[in-house]
Amino acid sequence: MAHCLAYRLGYADLAEQLGDRQRWAAAISADPLSVALAQWSRAGGFQAAREYGVGLRLLAYARDQLTEEAGASSPSVVTLLGSLRLREATLASRARDEQATEHHLIEVSRLAEQIPGQTDRVHYHLTFGPANVAVHNIAAQVELKNADEAAKRARALRLPPSLPRTRRGHHHIDAARAFLAVGDRDKALTALQGARQVAPQQTRYHPMAREAVRLLAQQYRRVGQDVRTLAAWMGQTVA
């Protein structure tokens, strides 16, 4: 949790130190799932540093190691394997590798089909299931500059209330980015307000949410009170 908070608040150096502690603790735990979780966290650092190739190699190794040591049958193993794949899809999309992104999304969808009842679940603080796969798919389309496809998927997706607030909030942020890319400013504003409602702390500090609000203010000829309120809440000033 300390690593998660440091990472999301932008304290990269502190997050890296905490990641080292996490990997040390995992190594002596005799729990392959804890080791996989530590590697998932470490890959987030490479993601933030835009070292996508290194992060992808790390995630592939972690996935192979987890499969070898723990198999792929228990619900918690499926969640960890799926989460590693989802982060691979994220890194590949940010590297603008459309083929690799599609491969990871196909593979992770197959993993999600193994979940009884098709309901997302949480193990080791990671969420995995069909809804989270759909959320990552939309985010990947945004990163690949497939704005029309991302906006289409965002309009159609209905998230279950059981999905953790952080995942729902992140989806609203990505949806806002998609709507901005296709010029649908009203839906972008609604999505950002939705993100604030379900995950206010995450939204307030998230760099993509802050950038979306800045772009939203620029695109409106007259900045409405709703946009001003959102910007002020984030500590931003708009003309």
C-alpha atoms as a PDB file:
ATOM      1  CA  MET A   1       0.000   0.000   0.000  1.00  0.00           C
ATOM      2  CA  ALA A   2       2.864   2.392   0.748  1.00  0.00           C
ATOM      3  CA  HIS A   3       4.354   1.682  -2.682  1.00  0.00           C
ATOM      4  CA  CYS A   4       0.965   2.237  -4.333  1.00  0.00           C
ATOM      5  CA  LEU A   5       0.459   5.608  -2.637  1.00  0.00           C
ATOM      6  CA  ALA A   6       3.983   6.836  -3.410  1.00  0.00           C
ATOM      7  CA  TYR A   7       3.642   5.786  -7.043  1.00  0.00           C
ATOM      8  CA  ARG A   8       0.240   7.415  -7.543  1.00  0.00           C
ATOM      9  CA  LEU A   9       1.268  10.644  -5.851  1.00  0.00           C
ATOM     10  CA  GLY A  10       4.295  10.950  -8.129  1.00  0.00           C
ATOM     11  CA  TYR A  11       7.094  10.232  -5.644  1.00  0.00           C
ATOM     12  CA  ALA A  12       9.110   8.075  -8.030  1.00  0.00           C
ATOM     13  CA  ASP A  13      12.265   7.824  -5.891  1.00  0.00           C
ATOM     14  CA  LEU A  14      10.329   6.833  -2.778  1.00  0.00           C
ATOM     15  CA  ALA A  15       8.265   4.340  -4.772  1.00  0.00           C
ATOM     16  CA  GLU A  16      11.462   2.720  -6.061  1.00  0.00           C
ATOM     17  CA  GLN A  17      12.837   2.355  -2.506  1.00  0.00           C
ATOM     18  CA  LEU A  18       9.566   0.827  -1.349  1.00  0.00           C
ATOM     19  CA  GLY A  19       9.603  -1.455  -4.379  1.00  0.00           C
ATOM     20  CA  ASP A  20      13.022  -2.739  -3.315  1.00  0.00           C
ATOM     21  CA  ARG A  21      11.607  -3.534   0.142  1.00  0.00           C
ATOM     22  CA  GLN A  22       8.638  -5.246  -1.459  1.00  0.00           C
ATOM     23  CA  ARG A  23      10.856  -7.465  -3.614  1.00  0.00           C
ATOM     24  CA  TRP A  24      13.052  -8.305  -0.616  1.00  0.00           C
ATOM     25  CA  ALA A  25      10.038  -9.313   1.487  1.00  0.00           C
ATOM     26  CA  ALA A  26       8.548 -11.320  -1.377  1.00  0.00           C
ATOM     27  CA  ALA A  27      11.794 -13.210  -1.924  1.00  0.00           C
ATOM     28  CA  ILE A  28      11.813 -14.542   1.647  1.00  0.00           C
ATOM     29  CA  SER A  29       8.071 -15.244   1.788  1.00  0.00           C
ATOM     30  CA  ALA A  30       8.214 -18.558  -0.126  1.00  0.00           C
ATOM     31  CA  ASP A  31       5.079 -17.324  -1.919  1.00  0.00           C
ATOM     32  CA  PRO A  32       5.389 -17.161  -5.733  1.00  0.00           C
ATOM     33  CA  LEU A  33       2.328 -14.923  -5.932  1.00  0.00           C
ATOM     34  CA  SER A  34       3.984 -12.311  -3.702  1.00  0.00           C
ATOM     35  CA  VAL A  35       7.027 -12.442  -5.970  1.00  0.00           C
ATOM     36  CA  ALA A  36       4.797 -11.895  -9.009  1.00  0.00           C
ATOM     37  CA  LEU A  37       3.086  -8.968  -7.285  1.00  0.00           C
ATOM     38  CA  ALA A  38       6.465  -7.390  -6.550  1.00  0.00           C
ATOM     39  CA  GLN A  39       7.456  -7.731 -10.198  1.00  0.00           C
ATOM     40  CA  TRP A  40       4.133  -6.227 -11.277  1.00  0.00           C
ATOM     41  CA  SER A  41       4.889  -3.229  -9.059  1.00  0.00           C
ATOM     42  CA  ARG A  42       8.423  -2.965 -10.389  1.00  0.00           C
ATOM     43  CA  ALA A  43       7.117  -2.896 -13.968  1.00  0.00           C
ATOM     44  CA  GLY A  44       5.043   0.130 -13.004  1.00  0.00           C
ATOM     45  CA  GLY A  45       8.284   1.997 -12.396  1.00  0.00           C
ATOM     46  CA  PHE A  46       9.499   1.168 -15.896  1.00  0.00           C
ATOM     47  CA  GLN A  47       6.108   2.267 -17.199  1.00  0.00           C
ATOM     48  CA  ALA A  48       6.422   5.638 -15.485  1.00  0.00           C
ATOM     49  CA  ALA A  49       9.975   6.015 -16.832  1.00  0.00           C
ATOM     50  CA  ARG A  50       8.779   5.102 -20.348  1.00  0.00           C
ATOM     51  CA  GLU A  51      11.185   2.185 -20.473  1.00  0.00           C
ATOM     52  CA  TYR A  52       8.540  -0.015 -22.022  1.00  0.00           C
ATOM     53  CA  GLY A  53      10.806  -2.669 -23.514  1.00  0.00           C
ATOM     54  CA  VAL A  54      12.487  -3.373 -20.168  1.00  0.00           C
ATOM     55  CA  GLY A  55       9.118  -3.511 -18.425  1.00  0.00           C
ATOM     56  CA  LEU A  56       7.713  -5.914 -20.995  1.00  0.00           C
ATOM     57  CA  ARG A  57      10.660  -8.293 -20.638  1.00  0.00           C
ATOM     58  CA  LEU A  58      10.303  -8.214 -16.855  1.00  0.00           C
ATOM     59  CA  LEU A  59       6.579  -8.970 -17.019  1.00  0.00           C
ATOM     60  CA  ALA A  60       7.051 -11.853 -19.467  1.00  0.00           C
ATOM     61  CA  TYR A  61       9.677 -13.370 -17.167  1.00  0.00           C
ATOM     62  CA  ALA A  62       7.443 -12.907 -14.107  1.00  0.00           C
ATOM     63  CA  ARG A  63       4.543 -14.565 -15.906  1.00  0.00           C
ATOM     64  CA  ASP A  64       6.642 -17.554 -16.957  1.00  0.00           C
ATOM     65  CA  GLN A  65       8.089 -17.901 -13.462  1.00  0.00           C
ATOM     66  CA  LEU A  66       4.662 -17.779 -11.815  1.00  0.00           C
ATOM     67  CA  THR A  67       3.242 -20.389 -14.199  1.00  0.00           C
ATOM     68  CA  GLU A  68       6.196 -22.687 -13.561  1.00  0.00           C
ATOM     69  CA  GLU A  69       6.065 -22.392  -9.773  1.00  0.00           C
ATOM     70  CA  ALA A  70       2.321 -22.129  -9.110  1.00  0.00           C
ATOM     71  CA  GLY A  71       0.543 -23.453 -12.185  1.00  0.00           C
ATOM     72  CA  ALA A  72      -2.497 -21.623 -13.535  1.00  0.00           C
ATOM     73  CA  SER A  73      -5.527 -23.181 -11.880  1.00  0.00           C
ATOM     74  CA  SER A  74      -6.310 -21.378  -8.623  1.00  0.00           C
ATOM     75  CA  PRO A  75      -8.356 -18.142  -8.690  1.00  0.00           C
ATOM     76  CA  SER A  76      -5.545 -16.111  -7.155  1.00  0.00           C
ATOM     77  CA  VAL A  77      -3.014 -17.347  -9.718  1.00  0.00           C
ATOM     78  CA  VAL A  78      -5.380 -16.456 -12.554  1.00  0.00           C
ATOM     79  CA  THR A  79      -5.759 -12.970 -11.064  1.00  0.00           C
ATOM     80  CA  LEU A  80      -1.991 -12.476 -10.863  1.00  0.00           C
ATOM     81  CA  LEU A  81      -1.375 -13.848 -14.352  1.00  0.00           C
ATOM     82  CA  GLY A  82      -4.172 -11.688 -15.732  1.00  0.00           C
ATOM     83  CA  SER A  83      -2.841  -8.581 -13.998  1.00  0.00           C
ATOM     84  CA  LEU A  84       0.631  -9.174 -15.413  1.00  0.00           C
ATOM     85  CA  ARG A  85      -0.893  -9.516 -18.893  1.00  0.00           C
ATOM     86  CA  LEU A  86      -2.947  -6.347 -18.452  1.00  0.00           C
ATOM     87  CA  ARG A  87       0.166  -4.383 -17.575  1.00  0.00           C
ATOM     88  CA  GLU A  88       1.876  -5.896 -20.624  1.00  0.00           C
ATOM     89  CA  ALA A  89      -0.986  -4.604 -22.770  1.00  0.00           C
ATOM     90  CA  THR A  90      -0.591  -1.160 -21.201  1.00  0.00           C
ATOM     91  CA  LEU A  91       3.151  -1.002 -21.828  1.00  0.00           C
ATOM     92  CA  ALA A  92       2.819  -2.321 -25.380  1.00  0.00           C
ATOM     93  CA  SER A  93       0.137   0.253 -26.197  1.00  0.00           C
ATOM     94  CA  ARG A  94       2.236   3.086 -24.819  1.00  0.00           C
ATOM     95  CA  ALA A  95       5.107   1.832 -26.948  1.00  0.00           C
ATOM     96  CA  ARG A  96       2.650   2.121 -29.892  1.00  0.00           C
ATOM     97  CA  ASP A  97       3.075  -1.567 -30.713  1.00  0.00           C
ATOM     98  CA  GLU A  98      -0.396  -2.389 -31.996  1.00  0.00           C
ATOM     99  CA  GLN A  99       0.363  -6.030 -32.796  1.00  0.00           C
ATOM    100  CA  ALA A 100       1.793  -6.794 -29.355  1.00  0.00           C
ATOM    101  CA  THR A 101      -1.053  -4.930 -27.664  1.00  0.00           C
ATOM    102  CA  GLU A 102      -3.649  -6.965 -29.529  1.00  0.00           C
ATOM    103  CA  HIS A 103      -1.822 -10.194 -28.646  1.00  0.00           C
ATOM    104  CA  HIS A 104      -1.811  -9.401 -24.928  1.00  0.00           C
ATOM    105  CA  LEU A 105      -5.468  -8.339 -24.959  1.00  0.00           C
ATOM    106  CA  ILE A 106      -6.488 -11.576 -26.688  1.00  0.00           C
ATOM    107  CA  GLU A 107      -4.525 -13.688 -24.220  1.00  0.00           C
ATOM    108  CA  VAL A 108      -5.860 -11.833 -21.204  1.00  0.00           C
ATOM    109  CA  SER A 109      -9.440 -12.180 -22.483  1.00  0.00           C
ATOM    110  CA  ARG A 110      -8.904 -15.954 -22.606  1.00  0.00           C
ATOM    111  CA  LEU A 111      -7.738 -15.884 -19.000  1.00  0.00           C
ATOM    112  CA  ALA A 112     -10.797 -13.869 -17.968  1.00  0.00           C
ATOM    113  CA  GLU A 113     -13.046 -16.533 -19.493  1.00  0.00           C
ATOM    114  CA  GLN A 114     -11.819 -18.924 -16.787  1.00  0.00           C
ATOM    115  CA  ILE A 115     -13.491 -16.880 -14.051  1.00  0.00           C
ATOM    116  CA  PRO A 116     -16.732 -18.464 -12.787  1.00  0.00           C
ATOM    117  CA  GLY A 117     -19.673 -16.130 -13.096  1.00  0.00           C
ATOM    118  CA  GLN A 118     -17.631 -13.663 -15.146  1.00  0.00           C
ATOM    119  CA  THR A 119     -17.339 -11.348 -12.135  1.00  0.00           C
ATOM    120  CA  ASP A 120     -14.201  -9.367 -11.448  1.00  0.00           C
ATOM    121  CA  ARG A 121     -12.431 -10.290  -8.234  1.00  0.00           C
ATOM    122  CA  VAL A 122      -9.565  -9.039  -6.122  1.00  0.00           C
ATOM    123  CA  HIS A 123      -6.552 -11.069  -4.984  1.00  0.00           C
ATOM    124  CA  TYR A 124      -3.345  -9.627  -3.569  1.00  0.00           C
ATOM    125  CA  HIS A 125      -4.883  -6.149  -4.035  1.00  0.00           C
ATOM    126  CA  LEU A 126      -5.115  -6.676  -7.810  1.00  0.00           C
ATOM    127  CA  THR A 127      -8.405  -6.694  -9.715  1.00  0.00           C
ATOM    128  CA  PHE A 128      -9.001  -9.062 -12.598  1.00  0.00           C
ATOM    129  CA  GLY A 129     -12.005 -10.042 -14.660  1.00  0.00           C
ATOM    130  CA  PRO A 130     -13.973  -9.126 -17.793  1.00  0.00           C
ATOM    131  CA  ALA A 131     -14.765  -5.560 -16.699  1.00  0.00           C
ATOM    132  CA  ASN A 132     -11.155  -4.678 -15.930  1.00  0.00           C
ATOM    133  CA  VAL A 133     -10.091  -6.238 -19.224  1.00  0.00           C
ATOM    134  CA  ALA A 134     -12.605  -3.978 -21.002  1.00  0.00           C
ATOM    135  CA  VAL A 135     -11.272  -0.948 -19.107  1.00  0.00           C
ATOM    136  CA  HIS A 136      -7.711  -1.734 -20.178  1.00  0.00           C
ATOM    137  CA  ASN A 137      -8.842  -2.306 -23.749  1.00  0.00           C
ATOM    138  CA  ILE A 138     -10.274   1.214 -23.933  1.00  0.00           C
ATOM    139  CA  ALA A 139      -7.118   2.687 -22.405  1.00  0.00           C
ATOM    140  CA  ALA A 140      -5.012   0.787 -24.932  1.00  0.00           C
ATOM    141  CA  GLN A 141      -7.046   2.166 -27.836  1.00  0.00           C
ATOM    142  CA  VAL A 142      -6.486   5.683 -26.500  1.00  0.00           C
ATOM    143  CA  GLU A 143      -2.719   5.115 -26.319  1.00  0.00           C
ATOM    144  CA  LEU A 144      -2.687   3.640 -29.843  1.00  0.00           C
ATOM    145  CA  LYS A 145      -4.504   6.765 -31.118  1.00  0.00           C
ATOM    146  CA  ASN A 146      -7.559   4.747 -32.128  1.00  0.00           C
ATOM    147  CA  ALA A 147      -9.778   7.501 -30.764  1.00  0.00           C
ATOM    148  CA  ASP A 148     -12.996   6.557 -32.553  1.00  0.00           C
ATOM    149  CA  GLU A 149     -12.776   2.956 -31.359  1.00  0.00           C
ATOM    150  CA  ALA A 150     -11.915   4.038 -27.811  1.00  0.00           C
ATOM    151  CA  ALA A 151     -14.867   6.459 -27.671  1.00  0.00           C
ATOM    152  CA  LYS A 152     -17.218   3.846 -29.125  1.00  0.00           C
ATOM    153  CA  ARG A 153     -16.189   1.298 -26.495  1.00  0.00           C
ATOM    154  CA  ALA A 154     -16.394   3.896 -23.714  1.00  0.00           C
ATOM    155  CA  ARG A 155     -19.969   4.824 -24.664  1.00  0.00           C
ATOM    156  CA  ALA A 156     -21.030   1.162 -24.659  1.00  0.00           C
ATOM    157  CA  LEU A 157     -19.295  -0.024 -21.487  1.00  0.00           C
ATOM    158  CA  ARG A 158     -21.331  -0.293 -18.299  1.00  0.00           C
ATOM    159  CA  LEU A 159     -19.170  -1.072 -15.305  1.00  0.00           C
ATOM    160  CA  PRO A 160     -20.510  -3.249 -12.475  1.00  0.00           C
ATOM    161  CA  PRO A 161     -20.792  -1.495  -9.091  1.00  0.00           C
ATOM    162  CA  SER A 162     -18.637  -4.249  -7.613  1.00  0.00           C
ATOM    163  CA  LEU A 163     -15.576  -3.073  -9.576  1.00  0.00           C
ATOM    164  CA  PRO A 164     -13.214  -1.249  -7.177  1.00  0.00           C
ATOM    165  CA  ARG A 165     -13.493   2.528  -7.172  1.00  0.00           C
ATOM    166  CA  THR A 166      -9.919   3.025  -8.341  1.00  0.00           C
ATOM    167  CA  ARG A 167     -10.583   0.973 -11.465  1.00  0.00           C
ATOM    168  CA  ARG A 168     -13.869   2.762 -12.169  1.00  0.00           C
ATOM    169  CA  GLY A 169     -12.187   6.115 -11.654  1.00  0.00           C
ATOM    170  CA  HIS A 170      -9.350   5.230 -14.003  1.00  0.00           C
ATOM    171  CA  HIS A 171     -11.848   4.150 -16.636  1.00  0.00           C
ATOM    172  CA  HIS A 172     -13.637   7.507 -16.448  1.00  0.00           C
ATOM    173  CA  ILE A 173     -10.301   9.294 -16.924  1.00  0.00           C
ATOM    174  CA  ASP A 174      -9.466   7.194 -19.991  1.00  0.00           C
ATOM    175  CA  ALA A 175     -12.992   7.704 -21.326  1.00  0.00           C
ATOM    176  CA  ALA A 176     -12.544  11.464 -20.960  1.00  0.00           C
ATOM    177  CA  ARG A 177      -9.320  11.258 -22.971  1.00  0.00           C
ATOM    178  CA  ALA A 178     -11.118   9.301 -25.697  1.00  0.00           C
ATOM    179  CA  PHE A 179     -14.009  11.779 -25.846  1.00  0.00           C
ATOM    180  CA  LEU A 180     -11.611  14.721 -26.006  1.00  0.00           C
ATOM    181  CA  ALA A 181      -9.798  13.059 -28.900  1.00  0.00           C
ATOM    182  CA  VAL A 182     -13.037  12.848 -30.917  1.00  0.00           C
ATOM    183  CA  GLY A 183     -14.190  16.337 -29.927  1.00  0.00           C
ATOM    184  CA  ASP A 184     -17.020  15.303 -27.585  1.00  0.00           C
ATOM    185  CA  ARG A 185     -16.351  17.842 -24.872  1.00  0.00           C
ATOM    186  CA  ASP A 186     -19.604  17.370 -22.976  1.00  0.00           C
ATOM    187  CA  LYS A 187     -19.046  13.653 -22.542  1.00  0.00           C
ATOM    188  CA  ALA A 188     -15.418  14.322 -21.569  1.00  0.00           C
ATOM    189  CA  LEU A 189     -16.597  16.669 -18.814  1.00  0.00           C
ATOM    190  CA  THR A 190     -19.185  14.144 -17.628  1.00  0.00           C
ATOM    191  CA  ALA A 191     -16.532  11.415 -17.526  1.00  0.00           C
ATOM    192  CA  LEU A 192     -14.171  13.565 -15.463  1.00  0.00           C
ATOM    193  CA  GLN A 193     -16.964  14.434 -13.062  1.00  0.00           C
ATOM    194  CA  GLY A 194     -17.698  10.711 -12.791  1.00  0.00           C
ATOM    195  CA  ALA A 195     -14.048  10.033 -11.980  1.00  0.00           C
ATOM    196  CA  ARG A 196     -14.156  12.652  -9.251  1.00  0.00           C
ATOM    197  CA  GLN A 197     -17.309  11.150  -7.798  1.00  0.00           C
ATOM    198  CA  VAL A 198     -16.077   7.546  -7.531  1.00  0.00           C
ATOM    199  CA  ALA A 199     -12.349   8.107  -6.837  1.00  0.00           C
ATOM    200  CA  PRO A 200     -11.752  11.742  -5.836  1.00  0.00           C
ATOM    201  CA  GLN A 201      -8.242  11.454  -4.422  1.00  0.00           C
ATOM    202  CA  GLN A 202      -6.966   9.413  -7.359  1.00  0.00           C
ATOM    203  CA  THR A 203      -8.557  11.795  -9.853  1.00  0.00           C
ATOM    204  CA  ARG A 204      -7.272  14.960  -8.211  1.00  0.00           C
ATOM    205  CA  TYR A 205      -3.637  13.894  -8.453  1.00  0.00           C
ATOM    206  CA  HIS A 206      -3.703  11.764 -11.598  1.00  0.00           C
ATOM    207  CA  PRO A 207      -1.575  13.438 -14.319  1.00  0.00           C
ATOM    208  CA  MET A 208      -3.872  12.228 -17.116  1.00  0.00           C
ATOM    209  CA  ALA A 209      -6.927  13.659 -15.377  1.00  0.00           C
ATOM    210  CA  ARG A 210      -5.175  16.980 -14.846  1.00  0.00           C
ATOM    211  CA  GLU A 211      -4.104  17.097 -18.479  1.00  0.00           C
ATOM    212  CA  ALA A 212      -7.645  16.265 -19.605  1.00  0.00           C
ATOM    213  CA  VAL A 213      -9.029  19.173 -17.564  1.00  0.00           C
ATOM    214  CA  ARG A 214      -6.418  21.509 -19.068  1.00  0.00           C
ATOM    215  CA  LEU A 215      -7.327  20.416 -22.607  1.00  0.00           C
ATOM    216  CA  LEU A 216     -11.014  20.689 -21.813  1.00  0.00           C
ATOM    217  CA  ALA A 217     -10.548  24.300 -20.711  1.00  0.00           C
ATOM    218  CA  GLN A 218      -8.605  25.066 -23.889  1.00  0.00           C
ATOM    219  CA  GLN A 219     -11.238  23.556 -26.176  1.00  0.00           C
ATOM    220  CA  TYR A 220     -14.169  25.475 -24.756  1.00  0.00           C
ATOM    221  CA  ARG A 221     -14.490  28.931 -26.304  1.00  0.00           C
ATOM    222  CA  ARG A 222     -16.112  30.016 -23.086  1.00  0.00           C
ATOM    223  CA  VAL A 223     -15.037  28.022 -20.071  1.00  0.00           C
ATOM    224  CA  GLY A 224     -18.175  27.079 -18.175  1.00  0.00           C
ATOM    225  CA  GLN A 225     -18.533  27.031 -14.422  1.00  0.00           C
ATOM    226  CA  ASP A 226     -18.406  23.219 -14.314  1.00  0.00           C
ATOM    227  CA  VAL A 227     -14.968  23.222 -15.953  1.00  0.00           C
ATOM    228  CA  ARG A 228     -13.767  26.064 -13.714  1.00  0.00           C
ATOM    229  CA  THR A 229     -14.950  24.202 -10.629  1.00  0.00           C
ATOM    230  CA  LEU A 230     -13.164  21.020 -11.679  1.00  0.00           C
ATOM    231  CA  ALA A 231      -9.952  22.895 -12.489  1.00  0.00           C
ATOM    232  CA  ALA A 232     -10.035  24.820  -9.203  1.00  0.00           C
ATOM    233  CA  TRP A 233     -10.588  21.599  -7.274  1.00  0.00           C
ATOM    234  CA  MET A 234      -7.394  20.257  -8.889  1.00  0.00           C
ATOM    235  CA  GLY A 235      -5.506  23.448  -8.082  1.00  0.00           C
ATOM    236  CA  GLN A 236      -5.420  24.628 -11.693  1.00  0.00           C
ATOM    237  CA  THR A 237      -6.164  28.091 -13.069  1.00  0.00           C
ATOM    238  CA  VAL A 238      -8.065  28.488 -16.330  1.00  0.00           C
ATOM    239  CA  ALA A 239      -8.547  31.650 -18.349  1.00  0.00           C
END
